[in-house]
Amino acid sequence: MKFKAEIDVMPHDALLDPQGKAVTNSMKNVGLPEIEGVRIGKHIRLFVDADSLESANNKVDEACKKMLANQIMESYSFSVSQL
């Protein structure tokens, strides 16, 4: 079976996010001073062949731990759906 995974990777809240801070500071310049606390992460979509939803979830979790997220600096969440 084929599954689609949607993964979000974000820096840990305790860590500085220079890119997010720069965007937050720029919001005033574009007339949006009420927006604050921007954090920049990444969104990853991938497809996986697996025998079951549970197996697909396990494979996606393993991919996140091994390659897609640096667990020292980032957290991740994902959802998997069958195509």
Protein backbone atom coordinates (compact mmCIF):
# COMPACT_ATOMS: atom_id res chain seq x y z
CA MET A 1 0.00 0.00 0.00
CA LYS A 2 1.09 3.57 -0.59
CA PHE A 3 0.91 6.25 2.09
CA LYS A 4 1.50 10.00 2.18
CA ALA A 5 3.24 11.60 5.17
CA GLU A 6 3.12 15.29 6.09
CA ILE A 7 5.93 16.19 8.51
CA ASP A 8 6.53 19.43 10.40
CA VAL A 9 9.95 20.12 11.91
CA MET A 10 10.38 23.09 14.26
CA PRO A 11 13.22 24.41 16.41
CA HIS A 12 12.78 23.72 20.13
CA ASP A 13 11.10 26.62 21.94
CA ALA A 14 14.11 27.04 24.24
CA LEU A 15 16.46 27.68 21.30
CA LEU A 16 16.99 30.94 19.49
CA ASP A 17 15.47 31.16 16.02
CA PRO A 18 17.36 33.95 14.20
CA GLN A 19 15.30 33.56 11.03
CA GLY A 20 12.05 33.76 12.98
CA LYS A 21 13.32 36.78 14.92
CA ALA A 22 14.24 38.58 11.68
CA VAL A 23 10.75 37.93 10.28
CA THR A 24 9.14 39.07 13.54
CA ASN A 25 11.12 42.32 13.44
CA SER A 26 10.21 42.87 9.79
CA MET A 27 6.49 42.60 10.48
CA LYS A 28 6.51 46.21 11.80
CA ASN A 29 7.96 47.37 8.46
CA VAL A 30 5.09 45.84 6.48
CA GLY A 31 2.38 47.25 8.71
CA LEU A 32 1.79 44.21 10.90
CA PRO A 33 3.21 45.16 14.32
CA GLU A 34 0.68 42.93 16.10
CA ILE A 35 2.40 39.78 14.78
CA GLU A 36 5.12 38.49 17.07
CA GLY A 37 6.90 35.32 18.11
CA VAL A 38 7.44 33.98 14.58
CA ARG A 39 9.24 30.62 14.47
CA ILE A 40 10.50 29.23 11.17
CA GLY A 41 10.58 25.50 10.55
CA LYS A 42 10.17 23.18 7.60
CA HIS A 43 7.39 21.11 6.12
CA ILE A 44 8.21 17.83 4.40
CA ARG A 45 5.89 15.65 2.32
CA LEU A 46 6.90 12.16 1.34
CA PHE A 47 5.39 8.93 0.10
CA VAL A 48 6.11 5.51 1.57
CA ASP A 49 5.25 1.96 0.59
CA ALA A 50 4.25 -0.13 3.60
CA ASP A 51 2.08 -3.12 4.48
CA SER A 52 -0.05 -1.18 6.99
CA LEU A 53 -0.64 2.26 8.48
CA GLU A 54 1.28 1.22 11.59
CA SER A 55 4.27 0.17 9.50
CA ALA A 56 4.12 3.44 7.53
CA ASN A 57 4.05 5.42 10.79
CA ASN A 58 7.07 3.50 12.05
CA LYS A 59 9.01 4.13 8.83
CA VAL A 60 8.23 7.85 8.87
CA ASP A 61 9.19 8.13 12.53
CA GLU A 62 12.49 6.37 11.79
CA ALA A 63 13.17 8.72 8.85
CA CYS A 64 12.55 11.72 11.09
CA LYS A 65 14.87 10.42 13.80
CA LYS A 66 17.65 9.38 11.41
CA MET A 67 17.64 12.15 8.84
CA LEU A 68 14.83 14.69 8.71
CA ALA A 69 15.07 16.25 12.19
CA ASN A 70 18.00 17.04 14.44
CA GLN A 71 16.47 15.99 17.75
CA ILE A 72 18.98 18.03 19.75
CA MET A 73 17.68 21.25 18.19
CA GLU A 74 14.32 20.36 16.64
CA SER A 75 11.05 18.64 17.37
CA TYR A 76 8.83 17.01 14.78
CA SER A 77 5.27 15.86 14.28
CA PHE A 78 3.67 14.03 11.39
CA SER A 79 0.52 12.54 10.01
CA VAL A 80 0.26 9.60 7.64
CA SER A 81 -2.67 8.83 5.38
CA GLN A 82 -3.32 6.07 2.87
CA LEU A 83 -3.59 7.06 -0.78
